[in-house]
Amino acid sequence: PPLPTRLMAGLAILKHSYDLSDELLCERWVENPYYQFFCGEKFFQHRLVFDRSSLTRWRQRMGEEKLQALLQESLAVATKTKALKPSDLNRVFVDTTVRPKNVMFPTDARLLNR
């Protein structure tokens, strides 16, 4: 049987909101009752009610454009209901702590003849 749309859409929103991998999303879903309630569960589940591969198949079936539309609509509703302020969307923080550097490591072959 197909999985409920609320479950899959909720998982997609949580994944993108918290920048989680599929594996970490599944781990957090099992341990977090708020995640489960957000995805439409009425009672706390102690194990996954879906297969992990269902996330990939659902994303492929939806396509990038529909997922973007889902996230945009979610943000619009959150703004309209005042759960999110428009000013929260004005600034984007970019993490630049991981940048390629021209540093020699002890395992570099160029250091062999020095």
PDB file of N, CA and C in Angstrom:
ATOM      1  N   PRO A   1       0.831  -1.196   0.000  1.00  0.00           N
ATOM      2  CA  PRO A   1       0.000   0.000   0.000  1.00  0.00           C
ATOM      3  C   PRO A   1       0.875   1.260   0.000  1.00  0.00           C
ATOM      4  N   PRO A   2       0.406   2.314  -0.636  1.00  0.00           N
ATOM      5  CA  PRO A   2       1.198   3.553  -0.665  1.00  0.00           C
ATOM      6  C   PRO A   2       1.252   4.195   0.720  1.00  0.00           C
ATOM      7  N   LEU A   3       2.333   4.893   0.952  1.00  0.00           N
ATOM      8  CA  LEU A   3       2.496   5.593   2.230  1.00  0.00           C
ATOM      9  C   LEU A   3       1.698   6.889   2.215  1.00  0.00           C
ATOM     10  N   PRO A   4       1.211   7.327   3.363  1.00  0.00           N
ATOM     11  CA  PRO A   4       0.436   8.572   3.412  1.00  0.00           C
ATOM     12  C   PRO A   4       1.259   9.770   2.932  1.00  0.00           C
ATOM     13  N   THR A   5       0.612  10.646   2.200  1.00  0.00           N
ATOM     14  CA  THR A   5       1.292  11.829   1.670  1.00  0.00           C
ATOM     15  C   THR A   5       1.784  12.718   2.802  1.00  0.00           C
ATOM     16  N   ARG A   6       0.993  12.834   3.866  1.00  0.00           N
ATOM     17  CA  ARG A   6       1.421  13.683   4.988  1.00  0.00           C
ATOM     18  C   ARG A   6       2.726  13.175   5.591  1.00  0.00           C
ATOM     19  N   LEU A   7       2.875  11.859   5.697  1.00  0.00           N
ATOM     20  CA  LEU A   7       4.104  11.275   6.230  1.00  0.00           C
ATOM     21  C   LEU A   7       5.288  11.633   5.349  1.00  0.00           C
ATOM     22  N   MET A   8       5.159  11.394   4.052  1.00  0.00           N
ATOM     23  CA  MET A   8       6.285  11.613   3.146  1.00  0.00           C
ATOM     24  C   MET A   8       6.596  13.100   2.982  1.00  0.00           C
ATOM     25  N   ALA A   9       5.563  13.928   2.897  1.00  0.00           N
ATOM     26  CA  ALA A   9       5.794  15.374   2.783  1.00  0.00           C
ATOM     27  C   ALA A   9       6.418  15.901   4.074  1.00  0.00           C
ATOM     28  N   GLY A  10       5.944  15.420   5.205  1.00  0.00           N
ATOM     29  CA  GLY A  10       6.522  15.827   6.486  1.00  0.00           C
ATOM     30  C   GLY A  10       7.979  15.439   6.599  1.00  0.00           C
ATOM     31  N   LEU A  11       8.306  14.238   6.154  1.00  0.00           N
ATOM     32  CA  LEU A  11       9.702  13.798   6.177  1.00  0.00           C
ATOM     33  C   LEU A  11      10.567  14.661   5.265  1.00  0.00           C
ATOM     34  N   ALA A  12      10.033  15.015   4.095  1.00  0.00           N
ATOM     35  CA  ALA A  12      10.794  15.865   3.166  1.00  0.00           C
ATOM     36  C   ALA A  12      11.042  17.242   3.778  1.00  0.00           C
ATOM     37  N   ILE A  13      10.032  17.795   4.433  1.00  0.00           N
ATOM     38  CA  ILE A  13      10.189  19.116   5.060  1.00  0.00           C
ATOM     39  C   ILE A  13      11.197  19.051   6.204  1.00  0.00           C
ATOM     40  N   LEU A  14      11.103  18.019   7.042  1.00  0.00           N
ATOM     41  CA  LEU A  14      12.054  17.874   8.144  1.00  0.00           C
ATOM     42  C   LEU A  14      13.477  17.686   7.628  1.00  0.00           C
ATOM     43  N   LYS A  15      13.618  16.882   6.585  1.00  0.00           N
ATOM     44  CA  LYS A  15      14.946  16.624   6.011  1.00  0.00           C
ATOM     45  C   LYS A  15      15.591  17.918   5.542  1.00  0.00           C
ATOM     46  N   HIS A  16      14.848  18.731   4.823  1.00  0.00           N
ATOM     47  CA  HIS A  16      15.408  19.974   4.290  1.00  0.00           C
ATOM     48  C   HIS A  16      15.523  21.057   5.360  1.00  0.00           C
ATOM     49  N   SER A  17      14.621  21.073   6.321  1.00  0.00           N
ATOM     50  CA  SER A  17      14.674  22.088   7.374  1.00  0.00           C
ATOM     51  C   SER A  17      15.899  21.922   8.261  1.00  0.00           C
ATOM     52  N   TYR A  18      16.235  20.684   8.568  1.00  0.00           N
ATOM     53  CA  TYR A  18      17.356  20.422   9.466  1.00  0.00           C
ATOM     54  C   TYR A  18      18.591  19.910   8.733  1.00  0.00           C
ATOM     55  N   ASP A  19      18.536  19.864   7.394  1.00  0.00           N
ATOM     56  CA  ASP A  19      19.665  19.428   6.569  1.00  0.00           C
ATOM     57  C   ASP A  19      20.181  18.061   7.027  1.00  0.00           C
ATOM     58  N   LEU A  20      19.286  17.074   7.035  1.00  0.00           N
ATOM     59  CA  LEU A  20      19.605  15.735   7.515  1.00  0.00           C
ATOM     60  C   LEU A  20      19.778  14.764   6.362  1.00  0.00           C
ATOM     61  N   SER A  21      20.611  13.765   6.571  1.00  0.00           N
ATOM     62  CA  SER A  21      20.687  12.664   5.620  1.00  0.00           C
ATOM     63  C   SER A  21      19.470  11.774   5.852  1.00  0.00           C
ATOM     64  N   ASP A  22      19.197  10.877   4.913  1.00  0.00           N
ATOM     65  CA  ASP A  22      18.058   9.966   5.079  1.00  0.00           C
ATOM     66  C   ASP A  22      18.226   9.119   6.341  1.00  0.00           C
ATOM     67  N   GLU A  23      19.454   8.642   6.556  1.00  0.00           N
ATOM     68  CA  GLU A  23      19.720   7.778   7.704  1.00  0.00           C
ATOM     69  C   GLU A  23      19.487   8.521   9.027  1.00  0.00           C
ATOM     70  N   LEU A  24      20.005   9.723   9.125  1.00  0.00           N
ATOM     71  CA  LEU A  24      19.839  10.503  10.353  1.00  0.00           C
ATOM     72  C   LEU A  24      18.381  10.914  10.550  1.00  0.00           C
ATOM     73  N   LEU A  25      17.697  11.221   9.460  1.00  0.00           N
ATOM     74  CA  LEU A  25      16.274  11.553   9.543  1.00  0.00           C
ATOM     75  C   LEU A  25      15.490  10.380  10.126  1.00  0.00           C
ATOM     76  N   CYS A  26      15.771   9.178   9.656  1.00  0.00           N
ATOM     77  CA  CYS A  26      15.069   7.988  10.157  1.00  0.00           C
ATOM     78  C   CYS A  26      15.367   7.760  11.638  1.00  0.00           C
ATOM     79  N   GLU A  27      16.631   7.945  12.037  1.00  0.00           N
ATOM     80  CA  GLU A  27      16.988   7.780  13.450  1.00  0.00           C
ATOM     81  C   GLU A  27      16.237   8.777  14.320  1.00  0.00           C
ATOM     82  N   ARG A  28      16.211  10.024  13.892  1.00  0.00           N
ATOM     83  CA  ARG A  28      15.542  11.060  14.688  1.00  0.00           C
ATOM     84  C   ARG A  28      14.031  10.872  14.697  1.00  0.00           C
ATOM     85  N   TRP A  29      13.474  10.375  13.590  1.00  0.00           N
ATOM     86  CA  TRP A  29      12.026  10.164  13.525  1.00  0.00           C
ATOM     87  C   TRP A  29      11.601   9.138  14.574  1.00  0.00           C
ATOM     88  N   VAL A  30      12.397   8.081  14.734  1.00  0.00           N
ATOM     89  CA  VAL A  30      12.048   7.029  15.695  1.00  0.00           C
ATOM     90  C   VAL A  30      12.109   7.549  17.129  1.00  0.00           C
ATOM     91  N   GLU A  31      13.057   8.412  17.435  1.00  0.00           N
ATOM     92  CA  GLU A  31      13.237   8.845  18.824  1.00  0.00           C
ATOM     93  C   GLU A  31      12.508  10.147  19.177  1.00  0.00           C
ATOM     94  N   ASN A  32      11.943  10.843  18.196  1.00  0.00           N
ATOM     95  CA  ASN A  32      11.372  12.159  18.454  1.00  0.00           C
ATOM     96  C   ASN A  32       9.858  12.160  18.219  1.00  0.00           C
ATOM     97  N   PRO A  33       9.061  12.263  19.276  1.00  0.00           N
ATOM     98  CA  PRO A  33       7.603  12.264  19.096  1.00  0.00           C
ATOM     99  C   PRO A  33       7.099  13.483  18.320  1.00  0.00           C
ATOM    100  N   TYR A  34       7.840  14.600  18.375  1.00  0.00           N
ATOM    101  CA  TYR A  34       7.426  15.790  17.634  1.00  0.00           C
ATOM    102  C   TYR A  34       7.541  15.561  16.130  1.00  0.00           C
ATOM    103  N   TYR A  35       8.597  14.878  15.706  1.00  0.00           N
ATOM    104  CA  TYR A  35       8.745  14.541  14.288  1.00  0.00           C
ATOM    105  C   TYR A  35       7.574  13.665  13.852  1.00  0.00           C
ATOM    106  N   GLN A  36       7.242  12.678  14.685  1.00  0.00           N
ATOM    107  CA  GLN A  36       6.173  11.751  14.335  1.00  0.00           C
ATOM    108  C   GLN A  36       4.825  12.464  14.266  1.00  0.00           C
ATOM    109  N   PHE A  37       4.556  13.329  15.210  1.00  0.00           N
ATOM    110  CA  PHE A  37       3.297  14.073  15.199  1.00  0.00           C
ATOM    111  C   PHE A  37       3.228  14.979  13.975  1.00  0.00           C
ATOM    112  N   PHE A  38       4.345  15.633  13.644  1.00  0.00           N
ATOM    113  CA  PHE A  38       4.403  16.499  12.468  1.00  0.00           C
ATOM    114  C   PHE A  38       4.080  15.720  11.194  1.00  0.00           C
ATOM    115  N   CYS A  39       4.472  14.444  11.177  1.00  0.00           N
ATOM    116  CA  CYS A  39       4.242  13.598   9.997  1.00  0.00           C
ATOM    117  C   CYS A  39       2.895  12.880  10.039  1.00  0.00           C
ATOM    118  N   GLY A  40       2.057  13.190  11.040  1.00  0.00           N
ATOM    119  CA  GLY A  40       0.701  12.661  11.042  1.00  0.00           C
ATOM    120  C   GLY A  40       0.452  11.446  11.905  1.00  0.00           C
ATOM    121  N   GLU A  41       1.429  11.013  12.670  1.00  0.00           N
ATOM    122  CA  GLU A  41       1.216   9.856  13.548  1.00  0.00           C
ATOM    123  C   GLU A  41       0.366  10.273  14.743  1.00  0.00           C
ATOM    124  N   LYS A  42      -0.570   9.435  15.111  1.00  0.00           N
ATOM    125  CA  LYS A  42      -1.440   9.715  16.258  1.00  0.00           C
ATOM    126  C   LYS A  42      -0.826   9.201  17.561  1.00  0.00           C
ATOM    127  N   PHE A  43      -0.066   8.103  17.463  1.00  0.00           N
ATOM    128  CA  PHE A  43       0.561   7.482  18.622  1.00  0.00           C
ATOM    129  C   PHE A  43       2.052   7.344  18.366  1.00  0.00           C
ATOM    130  N   PHE A  44       2.833   7.322  19.442  1.00  0.00           N
ATOM    131  CA  PHE A  44       4.283   7.196  19.322  1.00  0.00           C
ATOM    132  C   PHE A  44       4.649   5.825  18.761  1.00  0.00           C
ATOM    133  N   GLN A  45       5.474   5.818  17.753  1.00  0.00           N
ATOM    134  CA  GLN A  45       5.939   4.581  17.124  1.00  0.00           C
ATOM    135  C   GLN A  45       7.356   4.281  17.617  1.00  0.00           C
ATOM    136  N   HIS A  46       7.621   3.028  17.949  1.00  0.00           N
ATOM    137  CA  HIS A  46       8.937   2.642  18.456  1.00  0.00           C
ATOM    138  C   HIS A  46       9.857   2.127  17.359  1.00  0.00           C
ATOM    139  N   ARG A  47       9.342   2.050  16.161  1.00  0.00           N
ATOM    140  CA  ARG A  47      10.166   1.639  15.010  1.00  0.00           C
ATOM    141  C   ARG A  47       9.616   2.332  13.771  1.00  0.00           C
ATOM    142  N   LEU A  48      10.399   2.290  12.704  1.00  0.00           N
ATOM    143  CA  LEU A  48       9.980   2.944  11.462  1.00  0.00           C
ATOM    144  C   LEU A  48       8.730   2.281  10.900  1.00  0.00           C
ATOM    145  N   VAL A  49       7.816   3.074  10.412  1.00  0.00           N
ATOM    146  CA  VAL A  49       6.597   2.542   9.795  1.00  0.00           C
ATOM    147  C   VAL A  49       6.739   2.538   8.275  1.00  0.00           C
ATOM    148  N   PHE A  50       7.939   2.841   7.791  1.00  0.00           N
ATOM    149  CA  PHE A  50       8.218   2.875   6.361  1.00  0.00           C
ATOM    150  C   PHE A  50       9.621   2.337   6.134  1.00  0.00           C
ATOM    151  N   ASP A  51       9.894   1.921   4.917  1.00  0.00           N
ATOM    152  CA  ASP A  51      11.228   1.458   4.553  1.00  0.00           C
ATOM    153  C   ASP A  51      12.078   2.669   4.186  1.00  0.00           C
ATOM    154  N   ARG A  52      13.344   2.651   4.565  1.00  0.00           N
ATOM    155  CA  ARG A  52      14.221   3.796   4.274  1.00  0.00           C
ATOM    156  C   ARG A  52      14.299   4.099   2.781  1.00  0.00           C
ATOM    157  N   SER A  53      14.226   3.079   1.966  1.00  0.00           N
ATOM    158  CA  SER A  53      14.310   3.296   0.515  1.00  0.00           C
ATOM    159  C   SER A  53      13.072   4.021  -0.017  1.00  0.00           C
ATOM    160  N   SER A  54      11.995   4.046   0.767  1.00  0.00           N
ATOM    161  CA  SER A  54      10.787   4.764   0.343  1.00  0.00           C
ATOM    162  C   SER A  54      11.052   6.255   0.187  1.00  0.00           C
ATOM    163  N   LEU A  55      11.966   6.793   0.993  1.00  0.00           N
ATOM    164  CA  LEU A  55      12.306   8.215   0.894  1.00  0.00           C
ATOM    165  C   LEU A  55      12.887   8.534  -0.477  1.00  0.00           C
ATOM    166  N   THR A  56      13.819   7.702  -0.921  1.00  0.00           N
ATOM    167  CA  THR A  56      14.453   7.919  -2.227  1.00  0.00           C
ATOM    168  C   THR A  56      13.444   7.757  -3.348  1.00  0.00           C
ATOM    169  N   ARG A  57      12.648   6.695  -3.274  1.00  0.00           N
ATOM    170  CA  ARG A  57      11.657   6.466  -4.331  1.00  0.00           C
ATOM    171  C   ARG A  57      10.648   7.605  -4.393  1.00  0.00           C
ATOM    172  N   TRP A  58      10.221   8.121  -3.249  1.00  0.00           N
ATOM    173  CA  TRP A  58       9.248   9.216  -3.221  1.00  0.00           C
ATOM    174  C   TRP A  58       9.852  10.483  -3.808  1.00  0.00           C
ATOM    175  N   ARG A  59      11.110  10.774  -3.455  1.00  0.00           N
ATOM    176  CA  ARG A  59      11.776  11.962  -4.017  1.00  0.00           C
ATOM    177  C   ARG A  59      11.926  11.848  -5.524  1.00  0.00           C
ATOM    178  N   GLN A  60      12.273  10.665  -6.008  1.00  0.00           N
ATOM    179  CA  GLN A  60      12.417  10.472  -7.458  1.00  0.00           C
ATOM    180  C   GLN A  60      11.072  10.623  -8.156  1.00  0.00           C
ATOM    181  N   ARG A  61      10.025  10.105  -7.559  1.00  0.00           N
ATOM    182  CA  ARG A  61       8.696  10.195  -8.148  1.00  0.00           C
ATOM    183  C   ARG A  61       8.197  11.643  -8.164  1.00  0.00           C
ATOM    184  N   MET A  62       8.481  12.385  -7.096  1.00  0.00           N
ATOM    185  CA  MET A  62       8.038  13.778  -7.006  1.00  0.00           C
ATOM    186  C   MET A  62       8.825  14.677  -7.954  1.00  0.00           C
ATOM    187  N   GLY A  63      10.116  14.495  -8.010  1.00  0.00           N
ATOM    188  CA  GLY A  63      10.951  15.369  -8.828  1.00  0.00           C
ATOM    189  C   GLY A  63      11.351  16.624  -8.065  1.00  0.00           C
ATOM    190  N   GLU A  64      12.426  17.237  -8.506  1.00  0.00           N
ATOM    191  CA  GLU A  64      12.984  18.408  -7.825  1.00  0.00           C
ATOM    192  C   GLU A  64      12.021  19.592  -7.817  1.00  0.00           C
ATOM    193  N   GLU A  65      11.337  19.830  -8.936  1.00  0.00           N
ATOM    194  CA  GLU A  65      10.440  20.991  -9.028  1.00  0.00           C
ATOM    195  C   GLU A  65       9.281  20.899  -8.034  1.00  0.00           C
ATOM    196  N   LYS A  66       8.680  19.725  -7.923  1.00  0.00           N
ATOM    197  CA  LYS A  66       7.550  19.567  -7.000  1.00  0.00           C
ATOM    198  C   LYS A  66       8.004  19.658  -5.545  1.00  0.00           C
ATOM    199  N   LEU A  67       9.198  19.146  -5.250  1.00  0.00           N
ATOM    200  CA  LEU A  67       9.705  19.263  -3.888  1.00  0.00           C
ATOM    201  C   LEU A  67       9.989  20.717  -3.532  1.00  0.00           C
ATOM    202  N   GLN A  68      10.530  21.477  -4.482  1.00  0.00           N
ATOM    203  CA  GLN A  68      10.761  22.906  -4.251  1.00  0.00           C
ATOM    204  C   GLN A  68       9.431  23.627  -4.021  1.00  0.00           C
ATOM    205  N   ALA A  69       8.421  23.279  -4.815  1.00  0.00           N
ATOM    206  CA  ALA A  69       7.099  23.897  -4.654  1.00  0.00           C
ATOM    207  C   ALA A  69       6.518  23.563  -3.277  1.00  0.00           C
ATOM    208  N   LEU A  70       6.707  22.331  -2.826  1.00  0.00           N
ATOM    209  CA  LEU A  70       6.235  21.916  -1.506  1.00  0.00           C
ATOM    210  C   LEU A  70       6.904  22.746  -0.410  1.00  0.00           C
ATOM    211  N   LEU A  71       8.218  22.924  -0.506  1.00  0.00           N
ATOM    212  CA  LEU A  71       8.930  23.710   0.497  1.00  0.00           C
ATOM    213  C   LEU A  71       8.518  25.180   0.452  1.00  0.00           C
ATOM    214  N   GLN A  72       8.330  25.720  -0.754  1.00  0.00           N
ATOM    215  CA  GLN A  72       7.909  27.117  -0.879  1.00  0.00           C
ATOM    216  C   GLN A  72       6.516  27.325  -0.283  1.00  0.00           C
ATOM    217  N   GLU A  73       5.626  26.402  -0.551  1.00  0.00           N
ATOM    218  CA  GLU A  73       4.270  26.508   0.002  1.00  0.00           C
ATOM    219  C   GLU A  73       4.298  26.391   1.523  1.00  0.00           C
ATOM    220  N   SER A  74       5.151  25.511   2.039  1.00  0.00           N
ATOM    221  CA  SER A  74       5.284  25.371   3.490  1.00  0.00           C
ATOM    222  C   SER A  74       5.769  26.666   4.121  1.00  0.00           C
ATOM    223  N   LEU A  75       6.750  27.311   3.486  1.00  0.00           N
ATOM    224  CA  LEU A  75       7.256  28.588   3.997  1.00  0.00           C
ATOM    225  C   LEU A  75       6.187  29.675   3.911  1.00  0.00           C
ATOM    226  N   ALA A  76       5.408  29.663   2.833  1.00  0.00           N
ATOM    227  CA  ALA A  76       4.346  30.658   2.676  1.00  0.00           C
ATOM    228  C   ALA A  76       3.279  30.494   3.760  1.00  0.00           C
ATOM    229  N   VAL A  77       2.894  29.263   4.040  1.00  0.00           N
ATOM    230  CA  VAL A  77       1.892  29.008   5.081  1.00  0.00           C
ATOM    231  C   VAL A  77       2.455  29.382   6.452  1.00  0.00           C
ATOM    232  N   ALA A  78       3.715  29.050   6.697  1.00  0.00           N
ATOM    233  CA  ALA A  78       4.337  29.401   7.980  1.00  0.00           C
ATOM    234  C   ALA A  78       4.391  30.911   8.163  1.00  0.00           C
ATOM    235  N   THR A  79       4.647  31.640   7.091  1.00  0.00           N
ATOM    236  CA  THR A  79       4.679  33.100   7.161  1.00  0.00           C
ATOM    237  C   THR A  79       3.274  33.656   7.373  1.00  0.00           C
ATOM    238  N   LYS A  80       2.310  33.089   6.663  1.00  0.00           N
ATOM    239  CA  LYS A  80       0.927  33.567   6.751  1.00  0.00           C
ATOM    240  C   LYS A  80       0.339  33.340   8.148  1.00  0.00           C
ATOM    241  N   THR A  81       0.700  32.226   8.775  1.00  0.00           N
ATOM    242  CA  THR A  81       0.181  31.917  10.112  1.00  0.00           C
ATOM    243  C   THR A  81       1.052  32.497  11.225  1.00  0.00           C
ATOM    244  N   LYS A  82       2.060  33.261  10.838  1.00  0.00           N
ATOM    245  CA  LYS A  82       2.975  33.930  11.768  1.00  0.00           C
ATOM    246  C   LYS A  82       3.827  32.950  12.579  1.00  0.00           C
ATOM    247  N   ALA A  83       4.002  31.742  12.084  1.00  0.00           N
ATOM    248  CA  ALA A  83       4.928  30.808  12.709  1.00  0.00           C
ATOM    249  C   ALA A  83       6.360  31.139  12.297  1.00  0.00           C
ATOM    250  N   LEU A  84       6.490  31.907  11.233  1.00  0.00           N
ATOM    251  CA  LEU A  84       7.789  32.317  10.697  1.00  0.00           C
ATOM    252  C   LEU A  84       7.678  33.774  10.293  1.00  0.00           C
ATOM    253  N   LYS A  85       8.638  34.570  10.715  1.00  0.00           N
ATOM    254  CA  LYS A  85       8.632  35.987  10.349  1.00  0.00           C
ATOM    255  C   LYS A  85       9.283  36.154   8.978  1.00  0.00           C
ATOM    256  N   PRO A  86       8.788  37.058   8.154  1.00  0.00           N
ATOM    257  CA  PRO A  86       9.431  37.299   6.852  1.00  0.00           C
ATOM    258  C   PRO A  86      10.897  37.699   6.991  1.00  0.00           C
ATOM    259  N   SER A  87      11.241  38.367   8.088  1.00  0.00           N
ATOM    260  CA  SER A  87      12.640  38.762   8.289  1.00  0.00           C
ATOM    261  C   SER A  87      13.547  37.552   8.506  1.00  0.00           C
ATOM    262  N   ASP A  88      12.969  36.408   8.924  1.00  0.00           N
ATOM    263  CA  ASP A  88      13.773  35.195   9.085  1.00  0.00           C
ATOM    264  C   ASP A  88      14.285  34.676   7.750  1.00  0.00           C
ATOM    265  N   LEU A  89      13.648  35.091   6.669  1.00  0.00           N
ATOM    266  CA  LEU A  89      14.027  34.609   5.341  1.00  0.00           C
ATOM    267  C   LEU A  89      14.958  35.578   4.614  1.00  0.00           C
ATOM    268  N   ASN A  90      15.280  36.713   5.232  1.00  0.00           N
ATOM    269  CA  ASN A  90      16.093  37.724   4.556  1.00  0.00           C
ATOM    270  C   ASN A  90      17.575  37.410   4.531  1.00  0.00           C
ATOM    271  N   ARG A  91      18.085  36.759   5.532  1.00  0.00           N
ATOM    272  CA  ARG A  91      19.515  36.544   5.651  1.00  0.00           C
ATOM    273  C   ARG A  91      19.845  35.068   5.473  1.00  0.00           C
ATOM    274  N   VAL A  92      20.882  34.816   4.705  1.00  0.00           N
ATOM    275  CA  VAL A  92      21.354  33.453   4.495  1.00  0.00           C
ATOM    276  C   VAL A  92      22.750  33.358   5.091  1.00  0.00           C
ATOM    277  N   PHE A  93      22.969  32.376   5.933  1.00  0.00           N
ATOM    278  CA  PHE A  93      24.286  32.163   6.519  1.00  0.00           C
ATOM    279  C   PHE A  93      24.991  31.077   5.727  1.00  0.00           C
ATOM    280  N   VAL A  94      26.188  31.385   5.294  1.00  0.00           N
ATOM    281  CA  VAL A  94      26.979  30.423   4.534  1.00  0.00           C
ATOM    282  C   VAL A  94      28.141  29.982   5.401  1.00  0.00           C
ATOM    283  N   ASP A  95      28.274  28.701   5.579  1.00  0.00           N
ATOM    284  CA  ASP A  95      29.364  28.160   6.376  1.00  0.00           C
ATOM    285  C   ASP A  95      30.567  27.943   5.471  1.00  0.00           C
ATOM    286  N   THR A  96      31.645  28.657   5.736  1.00  0.00           N
ATOM    287  CA  THR A  96      32.849  28.534   4.904  1.00  0.00           C
ATOM    288  C   THR A  96      34.004  27.953   5.694  1.00  0.00           C
ATOM    289  N   THR A  97      33.711  27.187   6.716  1.00  0.00           N
ATOM    290  CA  THR A  97      34.789  26.645   7.536  1.00  0.00           C
ATOM    291  C   THR A  97      35.544  25.530   6.830  1.00  0.00           C
ATOM    292  N   VAL A  98      34.939  24.872   5.883  1.00  0.00           N
ATOM    293  CA  VAL A  98      35.618  23.819   5.141  1.00  0.00           C
ATOM    294  C   VAL A  98      35.932  24.360   3.758  1.00  0.00           C
ATOM    295  N   ARG A  99      37.192  24.709   3.574  1.00  0.00           N
ATOM    296  CA  ARG A  99      37.620  25.269   2.296  1.00  0.00           C
ATOM    297  C   ARG A  99      38.891  24.561   1.879  1.00  0.00           C
ATOM    298  N   PRO A 100      39.067  24.320   0.594  1.00  0.00           N
ATOM    299  CA  PRO A 100      40.315  23.699   0.152  1.00  0.00           C
ATOM    300  C   PRO A 100      41.482  24.653   0.386  1.00  0.00           C
ATOM    301  N   LYS A 101      42.557  24.122   0.929  1.00  0.00           N
ATOM    302  CA  LYS A 101      43.745  24.934   1.194  1.00  0.00           C
ATOM    303  C   LYS A 101      44.947  24.256   0.568  1.00  0.00           C
ATOM    304  N   ASN A 102      45.884  25.065   0.199  1.00  0.00           N
ATOM    305  CA  ASN A 102      47.101  24.568  -0.420  1.00  0.00           C
ATOM    306  C   ASN A 102      48.112  24.249   0.679  1.00  0.00           C
ATOM    307  N   VAL A 103      47.844  23.221   1.467  1.00  0.00           N
ATOM    308  CA  VAL A 103      48.687  22.831   2.590  1.00  0.00           C
ATOM    309  C   VAL A 103      49.246  21.450   2.311  1.00  0.00           C
ATOM    310  N   MET A 104      50.531  21.277   2.602  1.00  0.00           N
ATOM    311  CA  MET A 104      51.140  19.957   2.426  1.00  0.00           C
ATOM    312  C   MET A 104      50.893  19.122   3.676  1.00  0.00           C
ATOM    313  N   PHE A 105      50.511  17.888   3.459  1.00  0.00           N
ATOM    314  CA  PHE A 105      50.304  16.954   4.539  1.00  0.00           C
ATOM    315  C   PHE A 105      51.474  15.981   4.574  1.00  0.00           C
ATOM    316  N   PRO A 106      51.750  15.360   5.715  1.00  0.00           N
ATOM    317  CA  PRO A 106      52.878  14.422   5.791  1.00  0.00           C
ATOM    318  C   PRO A 106      52.774  13.263   4.807  1.00  0.00           C
ATOM    319  N   THR A 107      51.598  13.004   4.295  1.00  0.00           N
ATOM    320  CA  THR A 107      51.437  11.897   3.350  1.00  0.00           C
ATOM    321  C   THR A 107      51.607  12.324   1.894  1.00  0.00           C
ATOM    322  N   ASP A 108      51.859  13.623   1.641  1.00  0.00           N
ATOM    323  CA  ASP A 108      52.045  14.097   0.265  1.00  0.00           C
ATOM    324  C   ASP A 108      53.346  13.559  -0.306  1.00  0.00           C
ATOM    325  N   ALA A 109      53.297  13.079  -1.522  1.00  0.00           N
ATOM    326  CA  ALA A 109      54.485  12.534  -2.182  1.00  0.00           C
ATOM    327  C   ALA A 109      55.532  13.608  -2.426  1.00  0.00           C
ATOM    328  N   ARG A 110      55.140  14.856  -2.546  1.00  0.00           N
ATOM    329  CA  ARG A 110      56.091  15.942  -2.794  1.00  0.00           C
ATOM    330  C   ARG A 110      57.048  16.131  -1.620  1.00  0.00           C
ATOM    331  N   LEU A 111      56.651  15.726  -0.446  1.00  0.00           N
ATOM    332  CA  LEU A 111      57.512  15.876   0.725  1.00  0.00           C
ATOM    333  C   LEU A 111      58.578  14.791   0.809  1.00  0.00           C
ATOM    334  N   LEU A 112      58.468  13.771  -0.010  1.00  0.00           N
ATOM    335  CA  LEU A 112      59.391  12.642   0.037  1.00  0.00           C
ATOM    336  C   LEU A 112      60.824  13.075  -0.225  1.00  0.00           C
ATOM    337  N   ASN A 113      61.044  13.948  -1.188  1.00  0.00           N
ATOM    338  CA  ASN A 113      62.398  14.343  -1.578  1.00  0.00           C
ATOM    339  C   ASN A 113      62.862  15.618  -0.894  1.00  0.00           C
ATOM    340  N   ARG A 114      62.191  16.132   0.052  1.00  0.00           N
ATOM    341  CA  ARG A 114      62.598  17.364   0.750  1.00  0.00           C
ATOM    342  C   ARG A 114      63.547  17.081   1.856  1.00  0.00           C
TER     343      ARG A 114
END
